[in-house]
Amino acid sequence: EVPVPEPADLELLKELVGPTGAWRSWSSQLHHHDPGLAHALGAFIQYQKPKKVIDMGCGSGFYVRAMRARGIDCDGFDGHQDTESLTDGLCYHADFADVELPKKICLEGYDWCICLEVFEHVPKHLEDQLVDCLLAGAGKGLVLSVATPGQGGLGHVNEQPHEYVISRLEERGLILDANSHLRLRQYCQLPWFRENLLVFRRPAEKSSASPA
């Protein structure tokens, strides 16, 4: 995620961002990663004792590697066509425009879903599909980061207030776990994660933030 203004050159923007919001070409070199978040998120997810985790919009697989380093069974996919080669086979390519994707995700039986700074890249007409995918991967909970209006960034086409995102997910049955995301934010080094990180749970899940 790179919080910079949109390129003035529309041809460059078309080269780097596809019609479904997925990055392409050499945009893979522009990902920023947060080691503090990776450590805290790994500890948090490990504490939940999940059987399986999915990172949607995983980029270069940085957070998938952080999960696996703790022995967590974690998959990751990204819209970049070269995801498999860019991650040395760790992650795979998938696109939110695939109408079968929510069903495919649901069949995997994931407990926790991670989706960091992806929502704002997905065009409004695919937002329902994205939400379906998030719900399909959040058997027990969801860690989400969404850019708010005015943040700016490469390919940001659907920045939304957190109140809007929270409402969308709560109406689908998730519950905001503010205690957990406020604690996780303390470990974030990149400003957009300190501002945008949210944690949701299924109703049966009690809040259980872990020591990081």
N, C-alpha and C. Protein backbone atom coordinates (compact mmCIF):
# COMPACT_ATOMS: atom_id res chain seq x y z
N GLU A 1 0.85 -1.19 0.00
CA GLU A 1 0.00 0.00 0.00
C GLU A 1 0.88 1.23 0.00
N VAL A 2 0.62 2.17 -0.89
CA VAL A 2 1.44 3.37 -1.01
C VAL A 2 0.54 4.60 -0.97
N PRO A 3 0.56 5.39 0.11
CA PRO A 3 -0.33 6.54 0.23
C PRO A 3 0.20 7.75 -0.53
N VAL A 4 0.11 7.72 -1.82
CA VAL A 4 0.57 8.81 -2.67
C VAL A 4 -0.56 9.20 -3.60
N PRO A 5 -0.54 10.40 -4.15
CA PRO A 5 -1.59 10.81 -5.09
C PRO A 5 -1.61 9.93 -6.32
N GLU A 6 -2.75 9.88 -6.98
CA GLU A 6 -2.87 9.15 -8.23
C GLU A 6 -1.88 9.70 -9.26
N PRO A 7 -1.26 8.85 -10.07
CA PRO A 7 -0.37 9.35 -11.11
C PRO A 7 -1.12 10.26 -12.08
N ALA A 8 -0.49 11.35 -12.46
CA ALA A 8 -1.12 12.26 -13.42
C ALA A 8 -1.23 11.61 -14.79
N ASP A 9 -0.33 10.71 -15.07
CA ASP A 9 -0.32 10.03 -16.36
C ASP A 9 -1.32 8.89 -16.34
N LEU A 10 -2.45 9.06 -17.01
CA LEU A 10 -3.50 8.04 -17.00
C LEU A 10 -3.04 6.75 -17.64
N GLU A 11 -2.14 6.85 -18.61
CA GLU A 11 -1.63 5.64 -19.24
C GLU A 11 -0.82 4.82 -18.25
N LEU A 12 -0.06 5.50 -17.40
CA LEU A 12 0.70 4.80 -16.37
C LEU A 12 -0.25 4.14 -15.38
N LEU A 13 -1.33 4.84 -15.01
CA LEU A 13 -2.31 4.27 -14.09
C LEU A 13 -2.93 3.01 -14.68
N LYS A 14 -3.25 3.05 -15.97
CA LYS A 14 -3.83 1.87 -16.63
C LYS A 14 -2.83 0.72 -16.66
N GLU A 15 -1.55 1.07 -16.77
CA GLU A 15 -0.52 0.03 -16.79
C GLU A 15 -0.40 -0.67 -15.44
N LEU A 16 -0.59 0.09 -14.37
CA LEU A 16 -0.35 -0.43 -13.02
C LEU A 16 -1.58 -0.98 -12.33
N VAL A 17 -2.78 -0.55 -12.75
CA VAL A 17 -4.01 -0.96 -12.07
C VAL A 17 -5.02 -1.48 -13.09
N GLY A 18 -5.51 -2.70 -12.86
CA GLY A 18 -6.48 -3.30 -13.76
C GLY A 18 -7.90 -2.81 -13.48
N PRO A 19 -8.85 -3.18 -14.31
CA PRO A 19 -10.23 -2.69 -14.19
C PRO A 19 -10.96 -3.17 -12.94
N THR A 20 -10.48 -4.26 -12.33
CA THR A 20 -11.10 -4.73 -11.09
C THR A 20 -10.38 -4.23 -9.85
N GLY A 21 -9.41 -3.34 -10.04
CA GLY A 21 -8.67 -2.78 -8.92
C GLY A 21 -7.37 -3.48 -8.61
N ALA A 22 -7.14 -4.63 -9.23
CA ALA A 22 -5.91 -5.38 -8.96
C ALA A 22 -4.71 -4.66 -9.55
N TRP A 23 -3.62 -4.67 -8.80
CA TRP A 23 -2.37 -4.12 -9.31
C TRP A 23 -1.78 -5.08 -10.34
N ARG A 24 -0.97 -4.54 -11.25
CA ARG A 24 -0.34 -5.36 -12.26
C ARG A 24 0.99 -4.74 -12.68
N SER A 25 1.67 -5.43 -13.58
CA SER A 25 2.97 -4.98 -14.07
C SER A 25 3.92 -4.79 -12.88
N TRP A 26 4.73 -3.73 -12.91
CA TRP A 26 5.74 -3.54 -11.87
C TRP A 26 5.19 -2.89 -10.60
N SER A 27 3.88 -2.74 -10.51
CA SER A 27 3.29 -2.19 -9.28
C SER A 27 3.61 -3.05 -8.06
N SER A 28 3.94 -4.32 -8.29
CA SER A 28 4.28 -5.21 -7.19
C SER A 28 5.48 -4.71 -6.39
N GLN A 29 6.28 -3.83 -6.99
CA GLN A 29 7.44 -3.27 -6.31
C GLN A 29 7.06 -2.15 -5.34
N LEU A 30 5.80 -1.73 -5.36
CA LEU A 30 5.37 -0.57 -4.60
C LEU A 30 4.73 -0.91 -3.26
N HIS A 31 4.64 -2.19 -2.93
CA HIS A 31 4.02 -2.57 -1.65
C HIS A 31 4.87 -2.11 -0.48
N HIS A 32 4.22 -1.59 0.55
CA HIS A 32 4.87 -1.28 1.81
C HIS A 32 4.38 -2.28 2.86
N HIS A 33 5.28 -2.73 3.72
CA HIS A 33 4.91 -3.70 4.74
C HIS A 33 5.21 -3.14 6.13
N ASP A 34 4.46 -3.61 7.09
CA ASP A 34 4.58 -3.12 8.46
C ASP A 34 5.04 -4.25 9.37
N PRO A 35 6.34 -4.29 9.73
CA PRO A 35 6.84 -5.37 10.59
C PRO A 35 6.16 -5.41 11.95
N GLY A 36 5.84 -4.22 12.50
CA GLY A 36 5.17 -4.19 13.79
C GLY A 36 3.80 -4.84 13.73
N LEU A 37 3.06 -4.54 12.68
CA LEU A 37 1.75 -5.16 12.49
C LEU A 37 1.90 -6.66 12.26
N ALA A 38 2.88 -7.06 11.47
CA ALA A 38 3.07 -8.48 11.19
C ALA A 38 3.30 -9.26 12.49
N HIS A 39 4.12 -8.70 13.37
CA HIS A 39 4.39 -9.36 14.65
C HIS A 39 3.14 -9.44 15.52
N ALA A 40 2.47 -8.30 15.68
CA ALA A 40 1.29 -8.26 16.54
C ALA A 40 0.14 -9.07 15.97
N LEU A 41 -0.05 -8.98 14.66
CA LEU A 41 -1.13 -9.73 14.03
C LEU A 41 -0.88 -11.23 14.12
N GLY A 42 0.38 -11.62 13.93
CA GLY A 42 0.72 -13.03 14.06
C GLY A 42 0.41 -13.56 15.45
N ALA A 43 0.78 -12.77 16.48
CA ALA A 43 0.51 -13.17 17.86
C ALA A 43 -0.99 -13.23 18.13
N PHE A 44 -1.71 -12.23 17.62
CA PHE A 44 -3.16 -12.17 17.82
C PHE A 44 -3.86 -13.37 17.18
N ILE A 45 -3.53 -13.64 15.92
CA ILE A 45 -4.17 -14.75 15.22
C ILE A 45 -3.79 -16.08 15.87
N GLN A 46 -2.54 -16.23 16.26
CA GLN A 46 -2.10 -17.46 16.91
C GLN A 46 -2.90 -17.71 18.19
N TYR A 47 -3.19 -16.65 18.92
CA TYR A 47 -3.93 -16.75 20.17
C TYR A 47 -5.36 -17.23 19.95
N GLN A 48 -5.89 -16.99 18.75
CA GLN A 48 -7.25 -17.43 18.43
C GLN A 48 -7.32 -18.93 18.13
N LYS A 49 -6.16 -19.55 17.96
CA LYS A 49 -6.06 -20.98 17.66
C LYS A 49 -6.90 -21.38 16.44
N PRO A 50 -6.67 -20.71 15.31
CA PRO A 50 -7.45 -21.03 14.11
C PRO A 50 -6.95 -22.31 13.45
N LYS A 51 -7.84 -22.98 12.77
CA LYS A 51 -7.43 -24.13 11.96
C LYS A 51 -6.87 -23.66 10.62
N LYS A 52 -7.42 -22.55 10.11
CA LYS A 52 -7.01 -22.09 8.79
C LYS A 52 -7.33 -20.60 8.64
N VAL A 53 -6.41 -19.88 7.97
CA VAL A 53 -6.52 -18.43 7.81
C VAL A 53 -6.31 -18.08 6.34
N ILE A 54 -6.96 -17.00 5.88
CA ILE A 54 -6.80 -16.54 4.50
C ILE A 54 -6.46 -15.05 4.51
N ASP A 55 -5.46 -14.66 3.71
CA ASP A 55 -5.12 -13.26 3.49
C ASP A 55 -5.57 -12.88 2.09
N MET A 56 -6.59 -12.03 1.99
CA MET A 56 -7.14 -11.63 0.70
C MET A 56 -6.51 -10.31 0.25
N GLY A 57 -5.91 -10.32 -0.94
CA GLY A 57 -5.16 -9.17 -1.40
C GLY A 57 -3.80 -9.15 -0.73
N CYS A 58 -3.12 -10.30 -0.79
CA CYS A 58 -1.92 -10.53 0.02
C CYS A 58 -0.66 -9.87 -0.53
N GLY A 59 -0.73 -9.27 -1.72
CA GLY A 59 0.45 -8.61 -2.27
C GLY A 59 1.60 -9.58 -2.47
N SER A 60 2.72 -9.29 -1.83
CA SER A 60 3.91 -10.14 -1.96
C SER A 60 3.95 -11.28 -0.96
N GLY A 61 2.88 -11.43 -0.17
CA GLY A 61 2.81 -12.54 0.78
C GLY A 61 3.50 -12.29 2.10
N PHE A 62 3.79 -11.04 2.42
CA PHE A 62 4.53 -10.70 3.64
C PHE A 62 3.82 -11.19 4.89
N TYR A 63 2.52 -10.95 4.99
CA TYR A 63 1.79 -11.33 6.19
C TYR A 63 1.46 -12.82 6.21
N VAL A 64 1.35 -13.42 5.04
CA VAL A 64 1.19 -14.88 4.98
C VAL A 64 2.44 -15.54 5.56
N ARG A 65 3.60 -15.04 5.20
CA ARG A 65 4.85 -15.58 5.75
C ARG A 65 4.92 -15.40 7.26
N ALA A 66 4.45 -14.25 7.74
CA ALA A 66 4.45 -13.99 9.18
C ALA A 66 3.55 -14.99 9.91
N MET A 67 2.42 -15.33 9.31
CA MET A 67 1.52 -16.32 9.91
C MET A 67 2.17 -17.70 9.91
N ARG A 68 2.72 -18.07 8.79
CA ARG A 68 3.31 -19.41 8.67
C ARG A 68 4.53 -19.59 9.56
N ALA A 69 5.25 -18.51 9.81
CA ALA A 69 6.41 -18.57 10.69
C ALA A 69 6.00 -18.96 12.11
N ARG A 70 4.74 -18.74 12.44
CA ARG A 70 4.20 -19.12 13.76
C ARG A 70 3.47 -20.46 13.71
N GLY A 71 3.57 -21.14 12.59
CA GLY A 71 2.92 -22.44 12.48
C GLY A 71 1.45 -22.37 12.15
N ILE A 72 0.99 -21.20 11.71
CA ILE A 72 -0.42 -21.02 11.35
C ILE A 72 -0.64 -21.43 9.90
N ASP A 73 -1.64 -22.23 9.65
CA ASP A 73 -1.99 -22.64 8.29
C ASP A 73 -2.68 -21.46 7.61
N CYS A 74 -1.94 -20.74 6.78
CA CYS A 74 -2.44 -19.51 6.17
C CYS A 74 -2.25 -19.54 4.67
N ASP A 75 -3.32 -19.29 3.94
CA ASP A 75 -3.27 -19.13 2.49
C ASP A 75 -3.33 -17.64 2.16
N GLY A 76 -2.96 -17.31 0.92
CA GLY A 76 -3.07 -15.93 0.48
C GLY A 76 -3.32 -15.86 -1.01
N PHE A 77 -4.14 -14.90 -1.42
CA PHE A 77 -4.32 -14.67 -2.86
C PHE A 77 -4.30 -13.18 -3.14
N ASP A 78 -4.00 -12.85 -4.39
CA ASP A 78 -3.95 -11.47 -4.81
C ASP A 78 -4.40 -11.38 -6.25
N GLY A 79 -4.86 -10.19 -6.66
CA GLY A 79 -5.33 -10.00 -8.02
C GLY A 79 -4.24 -9.85 -9.06
N HIS A 80 -3.00 -9.66 -8.63
CA HIS A 80 -1.90 -9.54 -9.58
C HIS A 80 -1.72 -10.87 -10.30
N GLN A 81 -1.67 -10.82 -11.62
CA GLN A 81 -1.60 -12.05 -12.41
C GLN A 81 -0.36 -12.89 -12.09
N ASP A 82 0.71 -12.25 -11.63
CA ASP A 82 1.96 -12.96 -11.38
C ASP A 82 2.17 -13.29 -9.91
N THR A 83 1.09 -13.33 -9.15
CA THR A 83 1.20 -13.56 -7.71
C THR A 83 1.99 -14.82 -7.38
N GLU A 84 1.73 -15.90 -8.08
CA GLU A 84 2.41 -17.16 -7.75
C GLU A 84 3.93 -17.02 -7.89
N SER A 85 4.38 -16.44 -8.98
CA SER A 85 5.82 -16.29 -9.18
C SER A 85 6.41 -15.23 -8.25
N LEU A 86 5.66 -14.16 -8.00
CA LEU A 86 6.15 -13.09 -7.13
C LEU A 86 6.30 -13.55 -5.69
N THR A 87 5.56 -14.58 -5.29
CA THR A 87 5.63 -15.09 -3.92
C THR A 87 6.32 -16.45 -3.84
N ASP A 88 7.00 -16.82 -4.91
CA ASP A 88 7.70 -18.12 -4.96
C ASP A 88 6.76 -19.28 -4.65
N GLY A 89 5.54 -19.19 -5.17
CA GLY A 89 4.58 -20.27 -5.00
C GLY A 89 3.83 -20.26 -3.69
N LEU A 90 4.10 -19.29 -2.84
CA LEU A 90 3.44 -19.24 -1.53
C LEU A 90 1.96 -18.90 -1.66
N CYS A 91 1.63 -17.98 -2.57
CA CYS A 91 0.26 -17.49 -2.73
C CYS A 91 -0.21 -17.68 -4.16
N TYR A 92 -1.49 -17.46 -4.39
CA TYR A 92 -2.04 -17.71 -5.72
C TYR A 92 -2.84 -16.51 -6.22
N HIS A 93 -3.15 -16.54 -7.51
CA HIS A 93 -3.91 -15.45 -8.12
C HIS A 93 -5.41 -15.72 -8.03
N ALA A 94 -6.17 -14.71 -7.67
CA ALA A 94 -7.63 -14.75 -7.70
C ALA A 94 -8.12 -13.32 -7.82
N ASP A 95 -9.31 -13.15 -8.36
CA ASP A 95 -9.83 -11.80 -8.60
C ASP A 95 -11.24 -11.70 -8.04
N PHE A 96 -11.54 -10.57 -7.40
CA PHE A 96 -12.86 -10.38 -6.80
C PHE A 96 -13.97 -10.32 -7.84
N ALA A 97 -13.63 -10.20 -9.11
CA ALA A 97 -14.65 -10.21 -10.16
C ALA A 97 -15.16 -11.62 -10.44
N ASP A 98 -14.48 -12.63 -9.93
CA ASP A 98 -14.88 -14.02 -10.13
C ASP A 98 -16.11 -14.31 -9.27
N VAL A 99 -17.26 -14.51 -9.90
CA VAL A 99 -18.51 -14.69 -9.16
C VAL A 99 -18.51 -15.97 -8.34
N GLU A 100 -17.63 -16.90 -8.66
CA GLU A 100 -17.55 -18.16 -7.93
C GLU A 100 -16.60 -18.07 -6.74
N LEU A 101 -15.89 -16.95 -6.60
CA LEU A 101 -14.86 -16.85 -5.56
C LEU A 101 -15.42 -17.00 -4.15
N PRO A 102 -16.53 -16.36 -3.77
CA PRO A 102 -17.04 -16.56 -2.41
C PRO A 102 -17.32 -18.02 -2.09
N LYS A 103 -17.88 -18.74 -3.04
CA LYS A 103 -18.17 -20.16 -2.83
C LYS A 103 -16.88 -20.95 -2.64
N LYS A 104 -15.88 -20.65 -3.46
CA LYS A 104 -14.59 -21.34 -3.36
C LYS A 104 -13.95 -21.10 -1.99
N ILE A 105 -14.03 -19.86 -1.53
CA ILE A 105 -13.46 -19.51 -0.23
C ILE A 105 -14.19 -20.23 0.89
N CYS A 106 -15.52 -20.23 0.80
CA CYS A 106 -16.35 -20.86 1.83
C CYS A 106 -16.03 -22.34 1.98
N LEU A 107 -15.78 -23.00 0.87
CA LEU A 107 -15.49 -24.44 0.89
C LEU A 107 -14.19 -24.77 1.61
N GLU A 108 -13.29 -23.79 1.73
CA GLU A 108 -12.00 -24.03 2.40
C GLU A 108 -12.13 -24.06 3.92
N GLY A 109 -13.20 -23.49 4.46
CA GLY A 109 -13.42 -23.53 5.90
C GLY A 109 -12.47 -22.67 6.72
N TYR A 110 -12.21 -21.45 6.27
CA TYR A 110 -11.30 -20.57 6.99
C TYR A 110 -11.94 -20.05 8.28
N ASP A 111 -11.13 -19.95 9.33
CA ASP A 111 -11.59 -19.39 10.60
C ASP A 111 -11.45 -17.87 10.64
N TRP A 112 -10.29 -17.40 10.17
CA TRP A 112 -10.01 -15.97 10.20
C TRP A 112 -9.61 -15.47 8.83
N CYS A 113 -10.07 -14.27 8.51
CA CYS A 113 -9.75 -13.61 7.25
C CYS A 113 -8.97 -12.33 7.53
N ILE A 114 -7.92 -12.10 6.76
CA ILE A 114 -7.14 -10.87 6.82
C ILE A 114 -7.29 -10.16 5.48
N CYS A 115 -7.58 -8.88 5.50
CA CYS A 115 -7.72 -8.11 4.26
C CYS A 115 -7.26 -6.68 4.54
N LEU A 116 -6.02 -6.37 4.16
CA LEU A 116 -5.38 -5.12 4.55
C LEU A 116 -5.26 -4.15 3.38
N GLU A 117 -5.93 -3.01 3.50
CA GLU A 117 -5.86 -1.94 2.50
C GLU A 117 -6.18 -2.46 1.09
N VAL A 118 -7.27 -3.18 0.99
CA VAL A 118 -7.73 -3.74 -0.29
C VAL A 118 -9.07 -3.13 -0.69
N PHE A 119 -9.95 -2.95 0.28
CA PHE A 119 -11.32 -2.50 0.05
C PHE A 119 -11.37 -1.29 -0.88
N GLU A 120 -10.50 -0.31 -0.62
CA GLU A 120 -10.53 0.95 -1.36
C GLU A 120 -10.08 0.80 -2.81
N HIS A 121 -9.45 -0.31 -3.14
CA HIS A 121 -9.00 -0.56 -4.52
C HIS A 121 -10.08 -1.22 -5.38
N VAL A 122 -11.07 -1.80 -4.74
CA VAL A 122 -12.10 -2.55 -5.46
C VAL A 122 -13.21 -1.60 -5.89
N PRO A 123 -13.53 -1.53 -7.18
CA PRO A 123 -14.57 -0.61 -7.67
C PRO A 123 -15.91 -0.84 -6.97
N LYS A 124 -16.69 0.22 -6.89
CA LYS A 124 -17.96 0.18 -6.17
C LYS A 124 -18.86 -0.95 -6.68
N HIS A 125 -18.86 -1.21 -7.97
CA HIS A 125 -19.77 -2.23 -8.50
C HIS A 125 -19.35 -3.64 -8.09
N LEU A 126 -18.14 -3.80 -7.54
CA LEU A 126 -17.69 -5.10 -7.05
C LEU A 126 -17.66 -5.16 -5.52
N GLU A 127 -18.14 -4.11 -4.88
CA GLU A 127 -18.08 -4.06 -3.41
C GLU A 127 -18.88 -5.19 -2.76
N ASP A 128 -20.07 -5.47 -3.26
CA ASP A 128 -20.87 -6.56 -2.70
C ASP A 128 -20.14 -7.88 -2.81
N GLN A 129 -19.49 -8.09 -3.93
CA GLN A 129 -18.73 -9.32 -4.14
C GLN A 129 -17.57 -9.41 -3.14
N LEU A 130 -16.89 -8.29 -2.92
CA LEU A 130 -15.81 -8.26 -1.94
C LEU A 130 -16.33 -8.60 -0.55
N VAL A 131 -17.44 -8.00 -0.16
CA VAL A 131 -18.02 -8.27 1.16
C VAL A 131 -18.40 -9.74 1.28
N ASP A 132 -18.96 -10.31 0.23
CA ASP A 132 -19.29 -11.74 0.24
C ASP A 132 -18.05 -12.58 0.48
N CYS A 133 -16.94 -12.20 -0.15
CA CYS A 133 -15.69 -12.94 0.02
C CYS A 133 -15.17 -12.82 1.45
N LEU A 134 -15.24 -11.61 2.01
CA LEU A 134 -14.79 -11.41 3.38
C LEU A 134 -15.59 -12.27 4.35
N LEU A 135 -16.90 -12.28 4.17
CA LEU A 135 -17.75 -13.09 5.05
C LEU A 135 -17.49 -14.57 4.87
N ALA A 136 -17.21 -14.98 3.63
CA ALA A 136 -16.94 -16.39 3.36
C ALA A 136 -15.67 -16.86 4.04
N GLY A 137 -14.71 -15.95 4.22
CA GLY A 137 -13.44 -16.33 4.84
C GLY A 137 -13.38 -16.10 6.33
N ALA A 138 -14.40 -15.46 6.89
CA ALA A 138 -14.39 -15.09 8.30
C ALA A 138 -15.29 -16.02 9.10
N GLY A 139 -14.89 -17.27 9.20
CA GLY A 139 -15.68 -18.22 9.97
C GLY A 139 -15.80 -17.83 11.43
N LYS A 140 -14.73 -17.24 11.96
CA LYS A 140 -14.74 -16.77 13.35
C LYS A 140 -14.44 -15.28 13.47
N GLY A 141 -13.66 -14.74 12.52
CA GLY A 141 -13.35 -13.33 12.64
C GLY A 141 -12.65 -12.76 11.42
N LEU A 142 -12.50 -11.44 11.44
CA LEU A 142 -11.95 -10.70 10.30
C LEU A 142 -11.07 -9.57 10.81
N VAL A 143 -9.87 -9.46 10.24
CA VAL A 143 -9.00 -8.31 10.47
C VAL A 143 -8.95 -7.53 9.17
N LEU A 144 -9.43 -6.29 9.20
CA LEU A 144 -9.64 -5.51 7.99
C LEU A 144 -9.01 -4.13 8.16
N SER A 145 -8.46 -3.61 7.07
CA SER A 145 -7.96 -2.24 7.06
C SER A 145 -8.48 -1.56 5.81
N VAL A 146 -9.17 -0.42 5.99
CA VAL A 146 -9.83 0.26 4.88
C VAL A 146 -9.45 1.74 4.88
N ALA A 147 -8.96 2.24 3.75
CA ALA A 147 -8.61 3.66 3.63
C ALA A 147 -9.87 4.52 3.65
N THR A 148 -9.80 5.61 4.37
CA THR A 148 -10.93 6.53 4.47
C THR A 148 -10.80 7.65 3.43
N PRO A 149 -11.91 8.35 3.14
CA PRO A 149 -11.89 9.40 2.12
C PRO A 149 -10.80 10.44 2.37
N GLY A 150 -10.05 10.73 1.32
CA GLY A 150 -8.99 11.72 1.41
C GLY A 150 -7.61 11.14 1.65
N GLN A 151 -7.54 9.85 1.99
CA GLN A 151 -6.22 9.26 2.24
C GLN A 151 -5.36 9.27 0.98
N GLY A 152 -5.95 8.86 -0.13
CA GLY A 152 -5.22 8.83 -1.39
C GLY A 152 -4.32 7.62 -1.50
N GLY A 153 -4.03 7.21 -2.72
CA GLY A 153 -3.16 6.07 -2.95
C GLY A 153 -3.33 5.55 -4.36
N LEU A 154 -2.41 4.75 -4.79
CA LEU A 154 -2.43 4.21 -6.15
C LEU A 154 -3.67 3.35 -6.37
N GLY A 155 -4.55 3.78 -7.26
CA GLY A 155 -5.72 2.99 -7.59
C GLY A 155 -6.84 3.04 -6.58
N HIS A 156 -6.82 4.00 -5.67
CA HIS A 156 -7.92 4.12 -4.71
C HIS A 156 -9.16 4.66 -5.41
N VAL A 157 -10.19 3.84 -5.51
CA VAL A 157 -11.42 4.24 -6.19
C VAL A 157 -12.65 4.12 -5.29
N ASN A 158 -12.46 3.58 -4.07
CA ASN A 158 -13.63 3.33 -3.22
C ASN A 158 -13.27 3.51 -1.74
N GLU A 159 -12.64 4.64 -1.42
CA GLU A 159 -12.37 4.94 -0.02
C GLU A 159 -13.70 5.19 0.68
N GLN A 160 -13.82 4.65 1.91
CA GLN A 160 -15.09 4.77 2.63
C GLN A 160 -14.84 5.07 4.10
N PRO A 161 -15.74 5.84 4.74
CA PRO A 161 -15.63 6.06 6.18
C PRO A 161 -15.75 4.74 6.92
N HIS A 162 -15.08 4.64 8.05
CA HIS A 162 -15.15 3.40 8.81
C HIS A 162 -16.58 3.09 9.24
N GLU A 163 -17.36 4.14 9.52
CA GLU A 163 -18.75 3.92 9.93
C GLU A 163 -19.53 3.17 8.85
N TYR A 164 -19.24 3.49 7.61
CA TYR A 164 -19.91 2.81 6.49
C TYR A 164 -19.51 1.34 6.44
N VAL A 165 -18.22 1.07 6.56
CA VAL A 165 -17.72 -0.30 6.49
C VAL A 165 -18.25 -1.12 7.66
N ILE A 166 -18.21 -0.53 8.85
CA ILE A 166 -18.71 -1.22 10.04
C ILE A 166 -20.19 -1.56 9.86
N SER A 167 -20.97 -0.61 9.37
CA SER A 167 -22.40 -0.85 9.15
C SER A 167 -22.63 -1.98 8.15
N ARG A 168 -21.85 -1.99 7.07
CA ARG A 168 -22.01 -3.02 6.05
C ARG A 168 -21.75 -4.41 6.62
N LEU A 169 -20.74 -4.52 7.46
CA LEU A 169 -20.38 -5.83 8.00
C LEU A 169 -21.28 -6.23 9.16
N GLU A 170 -21.71 -5.27 9.97
CA GLU A 170 -22.60 -5.60 11.07
C GLU A 170 -23.97 -6.05 10.57
N GLU A 171 -24.41 -5.47 9.44
CA GLU A 171 -25.70 -5.89 8.90
C GLU A 171 -25.63 -7.30 8.32
N ARG A 172 -24.41 -7.79 8.12
CA ARG A 172 -24.21 -9.16 7.65
C ARG A 172 -23.86 -10.11 8.79
N GLY A 173 -23.92 -9.62 10.02
CA GLY A 173 -23.79 -10.50 11.17
C GLY A 173 -22.50 -10.44 11.94
N LEU A 174 -21.53 -9.64 11.52
CA LEU A 174 -20.28 -9.52 12.27
C LEU A 174 -20.44 -8.48 13.37
N ILE A 175 -19.58 -8.58 14.39
CA ILE A 175 -19.59 -7.66 15.51
C ILE A 175 -18.22 -7.00 15.61
N LEU A 176 -18.19 -5.68 15.72
CA LEU A 176 -16.93 -4.96 15.85
C LEU A 176 -16.28 -5.28 17.20
N ASP A 177 -14.99 -5.60 17.18
CA ASP A 177 -14.22 -5.85 18.40
C ASP A 177 -13.20 -4.72 18.54
N ALA A 178 -13.66 -3.59 19.03
CA ALA A 178 -12.81 -2.40 19.11
C ALA A 178 -11.63 -2.60 20.05
N ASN A 179 -11.82 -3.34 21.14
CA ASN A 179 -10.71 -3.57 22.07
C ASN A 179 -9.52 -4.22 21.37
N SER A 180 -9.82 -5.19 20.52
CA SER A 180 -8.74 -5.89 19.82
C SER A 180 -8.05 -5.01 18.80
N HIS A 181 -8.83 -4.27 18.00
CA HIS A 181 -8.14 -3.49 16.97
C HIS A 181 -7.42 -2.28 17.55
N LEU A 182 -7.90 -1.73 18.65
CA LEU A 182 -7.18 -0.62 19.27
C LEU A 182 -5.84 -1.10 19.83
N ARG A 183 -5.83 -2.31 20.33
CA ARG A 183 -4.56 -2.85 20.84
C ARG A 183 -3.61 -3.16 19.69
N LEU A 184 -4.10 -3.75 18.63
CA LEU A 184 -3.25 -4.05 17.48
C LEU A 184 -2.68 -2.77 16.86
N ARG A 185 -3.47 -1.72 16.82
CA ARG A 185 -3.01 -0.46 16.22
C ARG A 185 -1.77 0.09 16.93
N GLN A 186 -1.63 -0.20 18.22
CA GLN A 186 -0.50 0.32 18.98
C GLN A 186 0.84 -0.19 18.45
N TYR A 187 0.82 -1.33 17.79
CA TYR A 187 2.05 -1.94 17.29
C TYR A 187 2.34 -1.57 15.84
N CYS A 188 1.40 -0.90 15.19
CA CYS A 188 1.58 -0.56 13.77
C CYS A 188 2.57 0.58 13.61
N GLN A 189 3.42 0.46 12.60
CA GLN A 189 4.41 1.50 12.32
C GLN A 189 3.98 2.41 11.18
N LEU A 190 3.20 1.89 10.25
CA LEU A 190 2.73 2.69 9.12
C LEU A 190 1.45 3.42 9.51
N PRO A 191 1.35 4.71 9.19
CA PRO A 191 0.23 5.53 9.69
C PRO A 191 -1.14 5.05 9.25
N TRP A 192 -1.25 4.51 8.03
CA TRP A 192 -2.59 4.11 7.59
C TRP A 192 -3.09 2.89 8.35
N PHE A 193 -2.18 2.02 8.80
CA PHE A 193 -2.63 0.90 9.63
C PHE A 193 -3.02 1.38 11.03
N ARG A 194 -2.29 2.36 11.56
CA ARG A 194 -2.63 2.90 12.89
C ARG A 194 -4.01 3.54 12.89
N GLU A 195 -4.44 4.03 11.73
CA GLU A 195 -5.74 4.69 11.63
C GLU A 195 -6.85 3.75 11.18
N ASN A 196 -6.52 2.77 10.36
CA ASN A 196 -7.55 2.05 9.60
C ASN A 196 -7.84 0.62 10.05
N LEU A 197 -7.03 0.06 10.92
CA LEU A 197 -7.20 -1.35 11.28
C LEU A 197 -8.48 -1.57 12.08
N LEU A 198 -9.26 -2.57 11.69
CA LEU A 198 -10.51 -2.93 12.35
C LEU A 198 -10.54 -4.44 12.57
N VAL A 199 -11.14 -4.87 13.67
CA VAL A 199 -11.31 -6.29 13.95
C VAL A 199 -12.80 -6.57 14.15
N PHE A 200 -13.27 -7.64 13.52
CA PHE A 200 -14.65 -8.08 13.66
C PHE A 200 -14.66 -9.55 14.07
N ARG A 201 -15.74 -9.94 14.74
CA ARG A 201 -15.92 -11.34 15.13
C ARG A 201 -17.33 -11.81 14.81
N ARG A 202 -17.45 -13.11 14.71
CA ARG A 202 -18.78 -13.71 14.68
C ARG A 202 -19.37 -13.60 16.08
N PRO A 203 -20.69 -13.55 16.22
CA PRO A 203 -21.32 -13.35 17.53
C PRO A 203 -20.88 -14.33 18.60
N ALA A 204 -20.58 -15.57 18.25
CA ALA A 204 -20.21 -16.57 19.25
C ALA A 204 -18.80 -16.38 19.77
N GLU A 205 -17.99 -15.55 19.09
CA GLU A 205 -16.59 -15.36 19.47
C GLU A 205 -16.46 -14.25 20.51
N LYS A 206 -15.82 -14.55 21.63
CA LYS A 206 -15.57 -13.55 22.65
C LYS A 206 -14.27 -12.80 22.33
N SER A 207 -14.19 -11.55 22.77
CA SER A 207 -12.98 -10.76 22.55
C SER A 207 -11.82 -11.39 23.29
N SER A 208 -10.69 -11.56 22.58
CA SER A 208 -9.52 -12.17 23.21
C SER A 208 -8.25 -11.65 22.56
N ALA A 209 -7.96 -10.39 22.78
CA ALA A 209 -6.73 -9.82 22.25
C ALA A 209 -5.55 -10.48 22.95
N SER A 210 -4.50 -10.77 22.20
CA SER A 210 -3.36 -11.47 22.75
C SER A 210 -2.25 -10.51 23.10
N PRO A 211 -1.36 -10.91 24.01
CA PRO A 211 -0.15 -10.13 24.20
C PRO A 211 0.72 -10.28 22.98
N ALA A 212 1.26 -9.19 22.44
CA ALA A 212 2.08 -9.27 21.23
C ALA A 212 3.55 -9.30 21.59
